[in-house]
Amino acid sequence: EAYLAQAVLAEWCQHPGRFLPYTCFPSIEGSAAMPEFRCAVNENNKSTELPLLRIGGTVQQNPHMRAFWSSTISFFLAFLGWFALAPLSLDVAFSMEICENQKFPPSEFPLRKPYLKFKNLKSEKLYCRYGKNDADEPTDCEPVPAEKEAEFNCAVDNSAPECSPYDPTVLTRCVCTAGTDCRSVLGNAGIASVASTIFVRVALGTLLERFGPTNVQCGLMTLAAVWVALATAITAPWNFILIRFLIGMAGATFVTNQFWCSLMFAPNVVGTANATAAGWGNLGGGVTQIFMVVVLFQPFKEAGMDPDTAWRVSLLFPAAFCLITAICVKLFCWDTPTAKRFHPSDTGKTQGASLWDYVEVLKDMRVVVMIFQYSACFGTELAMNNQLATHFRSYFQMKADQASTLAGCFGLMNLFARSLGGMFSDGLASKFGFRGRIWAQFLALFFEALFLFAFGSIDNTNEWYVALIVLVMFSTCVQMAEGTSYGIVPFMNKKQLAVVSALVGAGGNLGAVIAGFAFY
């Protein structure tokens, strides 16, 4: 083993284009030993602890925590840009003029089914002033009762509102309920935003090995900044869907996040490190629901901007954040504990990246099972991030800031829940071995399913806080399942860690695409 280690080092030092560690220059005084790390490390220089506040020191002294926080913050801001349009969707729809009451004015098309079924939850009033002719599948409203016609003298002057069976004043600013073209456009855009991530996440299995995590993360964040900035020019459904598709590439930063942490942390804490980095990154999905509306959109409107301008200006902020982060990652981080750039030999591979690696990895049915298990948890989170704000605004008829706050609570559980899943996995593994990680995964997914069923059973006759309580429990189990998933991934095929991380990560987006086509 010692001879092999010397041979690998010799080959490394002879490479003409590679960053060389200090051990390649034993003749230089004081350079024969690597600098003392700020974290405790094992024989592979991977950190055996996760000291969240130990952020000082140079990159040579503290590469582990620099990588942890860089991967976490970049993923957080990528999520912020990825779902920045989701809580603003109804306002974007109004700007594109695709709302049902814009395309089909009630005065000209009073018998549109979305109108006939509409009920204003605040006033408890129906569009059909005197009721529908059918409770489930109405074709018209009930006619004006004879006593009302006599009371308001409708035969002579029908200008009184009570002389009409229709009451368009109860309709919201943008009617975008189920069955409308508006809802279809928003649903397709949501699917597009998670579909593109599948391809990029899969590709990252090769790209990470060729270019290393810092270069890949920097590139993804730069692209995210460009596409989010271009979203300010949305004018029609086709470019709305296209822009959301392109922004979806930012979601691939998750693969870098997990691969990078797996390179930096030892087996005893890698589950916790991966879960915490991904969980706090996913937190961006919850924060964006609140940040984009409560912090940016609403204040801009109150300052005098019209809604069309306000949502466009709001998008410039996540674009700027992504670009600044890309620059910082490039300048201040290393790929591995001892080298600025990653090489496939760091994971024990004897040859470079190849597309055949994907075939070899997918021959292992355990990987295939893990792909679909992750689609059941992370795919659910992506579907919720896309739909919740619109769901609360259209189905529960809440104001934009109230709906976004409730929707944000789902993502805010990432603050602790995904880390809890990683710690749960590490804890059971310390007592029961790898089978403990399997049990942690099973329990998290099982309770996620129970609370998902409960949340789906809540309709708009319930108070909002009932939905919130169940949503919080449901979200906690979703995030824990994600944490337990990546407590397993680093141990499935260590030589093909990049490819396994990429495929499982892509599986999460696959779940969101399946859910979007099947239910939204």
Protein backbone atom coordinates (compact mmCIF):
# COMPACT_ATOMS: atom_id res chain seq x y z
CA GLU A 1 0.00 0.00 0.00
CA ALA A 2 2.86 2.39 0.81
CA TYR A 3 4.52 1.59 -2.53
CA LEU A 4 1.24 2.20 -4.37
CA ALA A 5 0.77 5.54 -2.57
CA GLN A 6 4.27 6.65 -3.61
CA ALA A 7 3.61 5.61 -7.20
CA VAL A 8 0.36 7.58 -7.34
CA LEU A 9 2.08 10.65 -5.88
CA ALA A 10 4.91 10.35 -8.39
CA GLU A 11 2.46 10.18 -11.30
CA TRP A 12 0.55 13.17 -9.89
CA CYS A 13 3.66 15.34 -9.54
CA GLN A 14 4.80 14.61 -13.09
CA HIS A 15 1.56 15.84 -14.65
CA PRO A 16 2.48 19.11 -16.47
CA GLY A 17 -0.87 20.92 -16.18
CA ARG A 18 -1.94 19.94 -12.69
CA PHE A 19 -1.87 21.96 -9.50
CA LEU A 20 0.93 20.37 -7.42
CA PRO A 21 0.66 19.86 -3.64
CA TYR A 22 3.51 20.78 -1.33
CA THR A 23 4.67 17.17 -1.09
CA CYS A 24 5.85 17.40 -4.71
CA PHE A 25 8.59 19.80 -3.56
CA PRO A 26 10.40 18.12 -0.66
CA SER A 27 13.50 20.20 -1.35
CA ILE A 28 11.73 23.39 -0.32
CA GLU A 29 12.22 24.15 3.34
CA GLY A 30 9.08 23.54 5.37
CA SER A 31 7.05 22.24 2.41
CA ALA A 32 7.41 18.51 2.98
CA ALA A 33 4.39 18.49 5.28
CA MET A 34 0.99 19.84 4.44
CA PRO A 35 -0.26 22.81 6.47
CA GLU A 36 -2.18 21.93 9.61
CA PHE A 37 -5.88 21.74 8.86
CA ARG A 38 -8.39 23.64 10.97
CA CYS A 39 -10.58 20.49 11.02
CA ALA A 40 -9.60 17.09 12.42
CA VAL A 41 -8.92 14.79 9.46
CA ASN A 42 -8.47 11.08 8.76
CA GLU A 43 -5.70 9.38 6.79
CA ASN A 44 -7.25 10.64 3.52
CA ASN A 45 -7.27 14.26 4.75
CA LYS A 46 -11.07 14.21 4.93
CA SER A 47 -12.64 16.03 7.85
CA THR A 48 -13.98 13.80 10.62
CA GLU A 49 -16.06 16.65 12.06
CA LEU A 50 -18.46 19.34 10.89
CA PRO A 51 -17.61 22.55 12.82
CA LEU A 52 -20.10 24.94 11.19
CA LEU A 53 -18.62 28.13 12.67
CA ARG A 54 -14.96 27.28 12.04
CA ILE A 55 -14.63 29.35 8.89
CA GLY A 56 -11.29 31.13 9.37
CA GLY A 57 -7.93 30.32 7.84
CA THR A 58 -6.54 30.17 4.34
CA VAL A 59 -7.87 27.79 1.71
CA GLN A 60 -4.90 25.48 2.41
CA GLN A 61 -5.75 25.40 6.12
CA ASN A 62 -9.53 25.15 5.89
CA PRO A 63 -10.57 23.73 2.50
CA HIS A 64 -13.25 21.55 4.11
CA MET A 65 -15.45 24.28 5.54
CA ARG A 66 -14.87 26.58 2.58
CA ALA A 67 -16.20 23.84 0.34
CA PHE A 68 -19.11 23.16 2.71
CA TRP A 69 -20.26 26.76 2.90
CA SER A 70 -19.59 27.51 -0.77
CA SER A 71 -21.57 24.48 -1.90
CA THR A 72 -24.39 25.34 0.53
CA ILE A 73 -24.66 29.05 -0.30
CA SER A 74 -24.37 28.51 -4.05
CA PHE A 75 -27.08 25.83 -3.98
CA PHE A 76 -29.27 28.09 -1.81
CA LEU A 77 -29.00 30.97 -4.27
CA ALA A 78 -29.45 28.64 -7.24
CA PHE A 79 -32.75 27.55 -5.65
CA LEU A 80 -33.65 31.22 -5.15
CA GLY A 81 -33.20 31.86 -8.86
CA TRP A 82 -34.70 28.52 -9.92
CA PHE A 83 -38.06 29.17 -8.25
CA ALA A 84 -38.09 32.98 -8.29
CA LEU A 85 -40.94 32.99 -10.82
CA ALA A 86 -43.11 30.45 -8.98
CA PRO A 87 -44.67 32.76 -6.33
CA LEU A 88 -45.08 35.49 -8.98
CA SER A 89 -46.77 33.20 -11.50
CA LEU A 90 -50.23 34.78 -11.34
CA ASP A 91 -48.77 38.25 -11.83
CA VAL A 92 -46.68 36.98 -14.75
CA ALA A 93 -49.82 35.36 -16.17
CA PHE A 94 -51.65 38.69 -15.92
CA SER A 95 -48.78 40.39 -17.77
CA MET A 96 -49.00 37.74 -20.51
CA GLU A 97 -52.79 38.29 -20.60
CA ILE A 98 -53.60 34.59 -20.28
CA CYS A 99 -55.93 34.79 -17.26
CA GLU A 100 -59.37 33.35 -17.97
CA ASN A 101 -61.10 36.69 -17.32
CA GLN A 102 -58.66 38.42 -19.70
CA LYS A 103 -59.06 35.97 -22.57
CA PHE A 104 -62.79 35.54 -22.04
CA PRO A 105 -64.33 38.66 -20.45
CA PRO A 106 -67.33 37.65 -18.30
CA SER A 107 -69.52 40.26 -20.00
CA GLU A 108 -69.02 38.49 -23.35
CA PHE A 109 -68.58 34.89 -22.17
CA PRO A 110 -70.71 34.56 -19.02
CA LEU A 111 -71.08 30.77 -19.33
CA ARG A 112 -67.40 29.78 -19.04
CA LYS A 113 -67.19 26.81 -16.69
CA PRO A 114 -64.45 28.34 -14.47
CA TYR A 115 -66.86 31.23 -13.81
CA LEU A 116 -69.88 29.04 -13.16
CA LYS A 117 -67.91 27.06 -10.55
CA PHE A 118 -66.30 30.11 -8.94
CA LYS A 119 -66.85 30.98 -5.29
CA ASN A 120 -65.16 33.89 -3.52
CA LEU A 121 -63.94 32.44 -0.24
CA LYS A 122 -63.62 35.82 1.49
CA SER A 123 -67.14 37.09 0.75
CA GLU A 124 -68.66 33.60 0.46
CA LYS A 125 -70.41 34.85 -2.70
CA LEU A 126 -70.86 32.81 -5.89
CA TYR A 127 -70.49 33.94 -9.49
CA CYS A 128 -73.89 32.35 -9.96
CA ARG A 129 -75.82 34.82 -7.82
CA TYR A 130 -78.80 32.54 -7.32
CA GLY A 131 -77.08 29.19 -7.61
CA LYS A 132 -75.96 26.78 -10.36
CA ASN A 133 -78.20 24.57 -12.45
CA ASP A 134 -75.98 21.60 -11.54
CA ALA A 135 -73.80 21.31 -8.45
CA ASP A 136 -70.96 19.39 -10.13
CA GLU A 137 -71.13 20.13 -13.87
CA PRO A 138 -73.03 23.40 -14.30
CA THR A 139 -73.90 24.70 -17.76
CA ASP A 140 -75.59 27.90 -16.58
CA CYS A 141 -76.68 29.78 -13.49
CA GLU A 142 -80.16 29.59 -12.08
CA PRO A 143 -82.42 32.34 -13.45
CA VAL A 144 -83.39 35.37 -11.38
CA PRO A 145 -86.24 34.40 -9.00
CA ALA A 146 -89.63 35.96 -9.73
CA GLU A 147 -89.74 37.76 -6.39
CA LYS A 148 -86.38 39.42 -7.15
CA GLU A 149 -87.59 40.52 -10.60
CA ALA A 150 -90.64 42.09 -8.98
CA GLU A 151 -88.65 43.66 -6.14
CA PHE A 152 -86.18 45.39 -8.46
CA ASN A 153 -88.63 45.94 -11.32
CA CYS A 154 -86.33 44.07 -13.69
CA ALA A 155 -88.92 43.94 -16.48
CA VAL A 156 -88.69 47.73 -16.85
CA ASP A 157 -85.06 48.40 -15.82
CA ASN A 158 -82.64 45.51 -15.61
CA SER A 159 -79.60 47.64 -14.75
CA ALA A 160 -79.67 46.60 -11.10
CA PRO A 161 -77.06 43.90 -10.32
CA GLU A 162 -79.77 41.73 -8.76
CA CYS A 163 -81.46 41.50 -12.15
CA SER A 164 -78.60 39.38 -13.50
CA PRO A 165 -77.98 35.76 -12.51
CA TYR A 166 -74.23 36.43 -12.90
CA ASP A 167 -71.99 38.36 -10.52
CA PRO A 168 -68.56 38.97 -12.17
CA THR A 169 -67.50 41.27 -9.32
CA VAL A 170 -66.69 38.23 -7.16
CA LEU A 171 -63.98 37.04 -9.58
CA THR A 172 -60.35 37.52 -8.58
CA ARG A 173 -57.92 39.69 -10.58
CA CYS A 174 -56.60 36.63 -12.42
CA VAL A 175 -58.87 33.60 -12.68
CA CYS A 176 -56.42 30.72 -13.14
CA THR A 177 -58.28 27.75 -11.75
CA ALA A 178 -58.15 24.11 -12.85
CA GLY A 179 -59.20 23.58 -16.45
CA THR A 180 -58.14 27.02 -17.71
CA ASP A 181 -55.47 27.72 -20.32
CA CYS A 182 -53.74 29.83 -17.69
CA ARG A 183 -53.35 26.88 -15.32
CA SER A 184 -52.11 24.73 -18.21
CA VAL A 185 -49.38 27.25 -19.11
CA LEU A 186 -48.22 27.55 -15.50
CA GLY A 187 -48.23 23.77 -15.13
CA ASN A 188 -46.20 23.25 -18.31
CA ALA A 189 -43.71 25.91 -17.21
CA GLY A 190 -43.31 24.15 -13.87
CA ILE A 191 -42.63 20.84 -15.64
CA ALA A 192 -40.12 22.51 -17.96
CA SER A 193 -38.26 24.06 -15.02
CA VAL A 194 -37.55 20.66 -13.47
CA ALA A 195 -37.21 18.67 -16.71
CA SER A 196 -34.11 20.51 -17.92
CA THR A 197 -32.37 19.78 -14.63
CA ILE A 198 -32.59 16.03 -15.31
CA PHE A 199 -30.31 16.24 -18.35
CA VAL A 200 -27.83 18.61 -16.74
CA ARG A 201 -27.65 16.56 -13.53
CA VAL A 202 -26.94 13.40 -15.51
CA ALA A 203 -24.28 15.20 -17.56
CA LEU A 204 -22.59 16.41 -14.37
CA GLY A 205 -21.44 12.87 -13.62
CA THR A 206 -18.89 13.33 -16.41
CA LEU A 207 -18.41 17.08 -16.18
CA LEU A 208 -17.47 16.97 -12.51
CA GLU A 209 -14.70 14.48 -13.19
CA ARG A 210 -13.35 16.51 -16.10
CA PHE A 211 -13.56 20.03 -14.68
CA GLY A 212 -13.94 19.62 -10.90
CA PRO A 213 -16.63 20.95 -8.56
CA THR A 214 -15.47 24.58 -8.34
CA ASN A 215 -15.42 25.11 -12.11
CA VAL A 216 -18.74 23.32 -12.60
CA GLN A 217 -20.47 25.23 -9.81
CA CYS A 218 -19.10 28.51 -11.09
CA GLY A 219 -20.38 27.76 -14.60
CA LEU A 220 -23.85 26.76 -13.41
CA MET A 221 -24.24 29.85 -11.24
CA THR A 222 -23.18 32.10 -14.11
CA LEU A 223 -25.75 30.51 -16.42
CA ALA A 224 -28.42 30.86 -13.71
CA ALA A 225 -27.65 34.58 -13.42
CA VAL A 226 -28.01 35.06 -17.19
CA TRP A 227 -31.31 33.20 -17.54
CA VAL A 228 -32.93 34.78 -14.46
CA ALA A 229 -31.98 38.23 -15.74
CA LEU A 230 -33.49 37.41 -19.16
CA ALA A 231 -36.73 36.39 -17.43
CA THR A 232 -37.46 40.11 -17.04
CA ALA A 233 -38.26 40.14 -20.78
CA ILE A 234 -41.08 37.54 -20.63
CA THR A 235 -44.05 38.58 -22.77
CA ALA A 236 -45.78 35.38 -23.92
CA PRO A 237 -46.38 31.78 -22.81
CA TRP A 238 -43.76 30.33 -25.17
CA ASN A 239 -40.89 32.44 -23.81
CA PHE A 240 -42.16 32.02 -20.24
CA ILE A 241 -41.90 28.22 -20.59
CA LEU A 242 -38.54 28.47 -22.41
CA ILE A 243 -37.02 30.72 -19.74
CA ARG A 244 -38.19 28.44 -16.93
CA PHE A 245 -36.66 25.51 -18.82
CA LEU A 246 -33.31 27.29 -19.09
CA ILE A 247 -33.34 28.50 -15.48
CA GLY A 248 -33.92 24.89 -14.44
CA MET A 249 -30.26 24.18 -15.21
CA ALA A 250 -29.45 25.87 -11.91
CA GLY A 251 -30.99 22.93 -10.09
CA ALA A 252 -28.02 20.80 -11.11
CA THR A 253 -25.92 22.64 -8.51
CA PHE A 254 -27.25 20.05 -6.08
CA VAL A 255 -25.06 17.33 -7.63
CA THR A 256 -21.96 19.48 -7.19
CA ASN A 257 -23.06 20.22 -3.63
CA GLN A 258 -23.21 16.53 -2.71
CA PHE A 259 -20.12 15.43 -4.67
CA TRP A 260 -18.00 18.23 -3.24
CA CYS A 261 -18.97 17.47 0.36
CA SER A 262 -18.33 13.77 -0.20
CA LEU A 263 -14.78 14.63 -1.27
CA MET A 264 -14.21 16.72 1.84
CA PHE A 265 -15.81 14.73 4.71
CA ALA A 266 -15.07 11.33 6.22
CA PRO A 267 -17.59 8.45 6.39
CA ASN A 268 -18.50 9.12 10.04
CA VAL A 269 -19.94 12.58 9.22
CA VAL A 270 -20.53 12.52 5.46
CA GLY A 271 -24.24 11.76 5.92
CA THR A 272 -24.69 14.76 8.20
CA ALA A 273 -22.51 17.00 6.02
CA ASN A 274 -24.34 16.07 2.81
CA ALA A 275 -27.76 16.43 4.43
CA THR A 276 -26.95 19.79 6.02
CA ALA A 277 -25.37 21.26 2.89
CA ALA A 278 -28.26 20.10 0.70
CA GLY A 279 -30.92 20.96 3.29
CA TRP A 280 -29.74 24.50 3.83
CA GLY A 281 -29.37 24.82 0.07
CA ASN A 282 -32.92 23.56 -0.44
CA LEU A 283 -33.97 26.17 2.09
CA GLY A 284 -33.73 28.59 -0.81
CA GLY A 285 -36.88 27.00 -2.23
CA GLY A 286 -38.81 28.15 0.84
CA VAL A 287 -37.09 31.49 1.24
CA THR A 288 -37.76 32.45 -2.38
CA GLN A 289 -41.52 32.10 -1.82
CA ILE A 290 -41.32 34.80 0.86
CA PHE A 291 -38.36 36.85 -0.37
CA MET A 292 -39.64 37.44 -3.90
CA VAL A 293 -43.09 38.60 -2.76
CA VAL A 294 -42.82 40.02 0.76
CA VAL A 295 -39.34 41.57 0.49
CA LEU A 296 -39.29 42.63 -3.18
CA PHE A 297 -42.57 42.52 -5.14
CA GLN A 298 -44.99 43.97 -2.58
CA PRO A 299 -42.69 46.81 -1.40
CA PHE A 300 -42.03 47.76 -5.01
CA LYS A 301 -45.77 47.98 -5.65
CA GLU A 302 -46.29 50.05 -2.52
CA ALA A 303 -43.50 52.36 -3.70
CA GLY A 304 -45.56 53.14 -6.81
CA MET A 305 -44.52 50.54 -9.38
CA ASP A 306 -47.23 48.82 -11.35
CA PRO A 307 -47.32 45.02 -10.85
CA ASP A 308 -45.92 44.32 -14.32
CA THR A 309 -42.80 46.38 -13.61
CA ALA A 310 -42.49 45.24 -9.99
CA TRP A 311 -42.10 41.52 -10.73
CA ARG A 312 -39.59 42.21 -13.50
CA VAL A 313 -37.38 44.38 -11.28
CA SER A 314 -37.62 41.78 -8.49
CA LEU A 315 -35.94 39.17 -10.69
CA LEU A 316 -32.77 41.23 -11.05
CA PHE A 317 -31.84 40.59 -7.42
CA PRO A 318 -31.47 36.77 -7.54
CA ALA A 319 -29.64 37.17 -10.86
CA ALA A 320 -27.08 39.47 -9.23
CA PHE A 321 -26.68 37.16 -6.22
CA CYS A 322 -25.94 34.18 -8.48
CA LEU A 323 -23.28 36.06 -10.44
CA ILE A 324 -21.48 37.31 -7.32
CA THR A 325 -21.46 33.80 -5.85
CA ALA A 326 -20.00 32.33 -9.05
CA ILE A 327 -17.05 34.72 -8.82
CA CYS A 328 -16.43 33.94 -5.13
CA VAL A 329 -16.51 30.16 -5.67
CA LYS A 330 -13.97 30.45 -8.46
CA LEU A 331 -11.58 32.65 -6.49
CA PHE A 332 -11.67 31.23 -2.98
CA CYS A 333 -12.21 27.43 -3.10
CA TRP A 334 -10.39 24.15 -3.78
CA ASP A 335 -11.87 20.93 -5.15
CA THR A 336 -10.21 18.58 -2.62
CA PRO A 337 -8.51 18.94 0.78
CA THR A 338 -5.00 18.95 -0.75
CA ALA A 339 -5.41 20.12 -4.34
CA LYS A 340 -6.98 22.98 -6.18
CA ARG A 341 -8.31 20.76 -8.94
CA PHE A 342 -9.99 17.35 -8.77
CA HIS A 343 -8.66 14.29 -10.62
CA PRO A 344 -10.55 11.00 -11.06
CA SER A 345 -7.76 9.20 -9.20
CA ASP A 346 -8.94 11.03 -6.06
CA THR A 347 -11.84 8.56 -5.87
CA GLY A 348 -9.72 5.54 -6.84
CA LYS A 349 -10.51 5.49 -10.56
CA THR A 350 -7.69 4.40 -12.86
CA GLN A 351 -9.10 6.04 -15.98
CA GLY A 352 -10.83 9.29 -16.88
CA ALA A 353 -14.53 10.07 -17.21
CA SER A 354 -16.48 8.05 -19.78
CA LEU A 355 -20.11 7.71 -20.85
CA TRP A 356 -19.72 3.98 -20.26
CA ASP A 357 -19.56 4.78 -16.55
CA TYR A 358 -23.30 5.45 -16.60
CA VAL A 359 -24.00 2.01 -18.05
CA GLU A 360 -21.80 0.32 -15.44
CA VAL A 361 -23.48 2.19 -12.60
CA LEU A 362 -27.03 1.48 -13.82
CA LYS A 363 -26.30 -2.25 -13.91
CA ASP A 364 -26.52 -2.07 -10.11
CA MET A 365 -30.23 -2.35 -9.25
CA ARG A 366 -29.59 -0.70 -5.89
CA VAL A 367 -28.75 2.50 -7.75
CA VAL A 368 -31.93 2.23 -9.82
CA VAL A 369 -34.01 1.75 -6.65
CA MET A 370 -32.32 4.74 -5.04
CA ILE A 371 -33.10 6.88 -8.11
CA PHE A 372 -36.81 6.22 -7.70
CA GLN A 373 -36.72 6.59 -3.93
CA TYR A 374 -35.16 10.00 -4.33
CA SER A 375 -37.75 10.90 -6.95
CA ALA A 376 -40.39 10.20 -4.30
CA CYS A 377 -38.94 12.75 -1.86
CA PHE A 378 -37.02 15.44 -3.74
CA GLY A 379 -39.44 15.18 -6.67
CA THR A 380 -42.26 15.89 -4.23
CA GLU A 381 -40.43 18.94 -2.88
CA LEU A 382 -39.93 20.37 -6.38
CA ALA A 383 -43.60 19.84 -7.22
CA MET A 384 -44.59 21.64 -4.02
CA ASN A 385 -42.20 24.53 -4.71
CA ASN A 386 -43.78 24.97 -8.13
CA GLN A 387 -47.41 24.66 -7.09
CA LEU A 388 -47.97 25.69 -3.47
CA ALA A 389 -48.04 29.48 -3.84
CA THR A 390 -50.41 29.29 -6.81
CA HIS A 391 -52.47 26.66 -4.97
CA PHE A 392 -52.98 28.90 -1.93
CA ARG A 393 -53.71 31.96 -4.11
CA SER A 394 -56.19 30.31 -6.47
CA TYR A 395 -57.75 27.51 -4.40
CA PHE A 396 -57.75 29.25 -1.00
CA GLN A 397 -57.93 32.72 -2.64
CA MET A 398 -55.27 34.26 -0.41
CA LYS A 399 -53.37 37.46 -1.06
CA ALA A 400 -49.96 37.10 -2.69
CA ASP A 401 -47.96 37.77 0.48
CA GLN A 402 -50.08 35.42 2.61
CA ALA A 403 -49.94 32.61 0.05
CA SER A 404 -46.20 32.96 -0.42
CA THR A 405 -45.62 32.88 3.34
CA LEU A 406 -47.56 29.64 3.74
CA ALA A 407 -45.85 28.12 0.70
CA GLY A 408 -42.50 29.19 2.09
CA CYS A 409 -43.10 27.21 5.27
CA PHE A 410 -42.68 24.01 3.26
CA GLY A 411 -39.14 24.90 2.21
CA LEU A 412 -38.23 26.43 5.56
CA MET A 413 -38.30 22.98 7.14
CA ASN A 414 -34.99 22.44 5.33
CA LEU A 415 -33.45 24.55 8.08
CA PHE A 416 -33.29 21.45 10.24
CA ALA A 417 -35.21 18.52 8.74
CA ARG A 418 -32.78 17.37 6.05
CA SER A 419 -29.89 17.59 8.53
CA LEU A 420 -32.05 15.61 10.95
CA GLY A 421 -32.41 12.93 8.29
CA GLY A 422 -28.64 12.79 7.80
CA MET A 423 -28.00 12.57 11.55
CA PHE A 424 -30.72 9.93 11.86
CA SER A 425 -28.97 7.91 9.13
CA ASP A 426 -25.51 8.33 10.71
CA GLY A 427 -26.90 7.51 14.17
CA LEU A 428 -28.58 4.26 13.11
CA ALA A 429 -25.51 3.33 11.07
CA SER A 430 -23.28 3.67 14.14
CA LYS A 431 -25.47 1.17 16.00
CA PHE A 432 -26.69 -1.22 13.30
CA GLY A 433 -24.25 -0.76 10.44
CA PHE A 434 -25.37 -0.02 6.91
CA ARG A 435 -28.75 -1.67 7.51
CA GLY A 436 -29.45 1.17 9.93
CA ARG A 437 -29.26 3.61 7.02
CA ILE A 438 -31.81 1.49 5.12
CA TRP A 439 -34.22 1.59 8.07
CA ALA A 440 -33.80 5.36 8.36
CA GLN A 441 -34.71 5.69 4.68
CA PHE A 442 -37.76 3.45 5.01
CA LEU A 443 -39.19 5.27 8.04
CA ALA A 444 -38.75 8.72 6.48
CA LEU A 445 -40.47 7.72 3.22
CA PHE A 446 -43.26 5.88 5.05
CA PHE A 447 -44.27 8.89 7.15
CA GLU A 448 -43.88 11.20 4.15
CA ALA A 449 -46.53 9.12 2.38
CA LEU A 450 -48.92 9.31 5.35
CA PHE A 451 -48.72 13.09 5.66
CA LEU A 452 -48.94 13.59 1.89
CA PHE A 453 -52.24 11.70 1.92
CA ALA A 454 -53.42 13.86 4.84
CA PHE A 455 -52.48 17.11 3.08
CA GLY A 456 -54.28 16.03 -0.07
CA SER A 457 -57.43 15.46 1.97
CA ILE A 458 -57.67 19.12 3.10
CA ASP A 459 -60.04 21.27 1.02
CA ASN A 460 -60.86 24.97 1.14
CA THR A 461 -63.66 24.47 3.64
CA ASN A 462 -60.94 24.04 6.29
CA GLU A 463 -59.13 26.94 7.92
CA TRP A 464 -55.70 27.79 6.52
CA TYR A 465 -53.92 26.80 9.73
CA VAL A 466 -55.14 23.21 9.36
CA ALA A 467 -53.39 23.01 5.98
CA LEU A 468 -50.30 24.65 7.49
CA ILE A 469 -49.98 22.17 10.38
CA VAL A 470 -50.21 19.16 8.07
CA LEU A 471 -47.92 20.86 5.53
CA VAL A 472 -45.19 21.33 8.15
CA MET A 473 -45.33 17.67 9.21
CA PHE A 474 -45.38 16.54 5.58
CA SER A 475 -42.42 18.77 4.69
CA THR A 476 -40.38 17.56 7.67
CA CYS A 477 -40.68 13.95 6.50
CA VAL A 478 -39.91 14.90 2.88
CA GLN A 479 -36.68 16.66 3.87
CA MET A 480 -35.67 13.85 6.25
CA ALA A 481 -36.09 11.33 3.42
CA GLU A 482 -33.80 13.43 1.24
CA GLY A 483 -31.21 13.47 4.02
CA THR A 484 -31.36 9.72 4.56
CA SER A 485 -31.02 9.19 0.78
CA TYR A 486 -27.68 10.95 0.60
CA GLY A 487 -26.60 9.20 3.75
CA ILE A 488 -26.61 6.09 1.53
CA VAL A 489 -25.33 7.44 -1.81
CA PRO A 490 -21.61 7.92 -0.84
CA PHE A 491 -21.35 4.21 0.00
CA MET A 492 -22.99 2.70 -3.08
CA ASN A 493 -20.05 2.89 -5.51
CA LYS A 494 -17.17 4.97 -4.19
CA LYS A 495 -15.16 4.90 -7.44
CA GLN A 496 -18.17 6.18 -9.39
CA LEU A 497 -19.29 8.67 -6.74
CA ALA A 498 -19.79 11.49 -9.25
CA VAL A 499 -21.97 9.38 -11.56
CA VAL A 500 -24.05 7.90 -8.74
CA SER A 501 -24.60 11.36 -7.22
CA ALA A 502 -25.63 12.70 -10.64
CA LEU A 503 -28.05 9.88 -11.46
CA VAL A 504 -29.75 9.88 -8.06
CA GLY A 505 -30.00 13.68 -8.14
CA ALA A 506 -31.56 13.52 -11.60
CA GLY A 507 -34.04 11.00 -10.22
CA GLY A 508 -35.40 13.70 -7.93
CA ASN A 509 -36.25 15.88 -10.91
CA LEU A 510 -37.69 12.89 -12.74
CA GLY A 511 -40.19 12.52 -9.90
CA ALA A 512 -41.23 16.17 -10.27
CA VAL A 513 -41.71 15.75 -14.03
CA ILE A 514 -43.84 12.63 -13.52
CA ALA A 515 -45.94 14.43 -10.90
CA GLY A 516 -46.35 17.46 -13.16
CA PHE A 517 -47.58 15.45 -16.14
CA ALA A 518 -49.78 13.19 -14.02
CA PHE A 519 -51.45 15.71 -11.72
CA TYR A 520 -50.86 19.33 -12.78
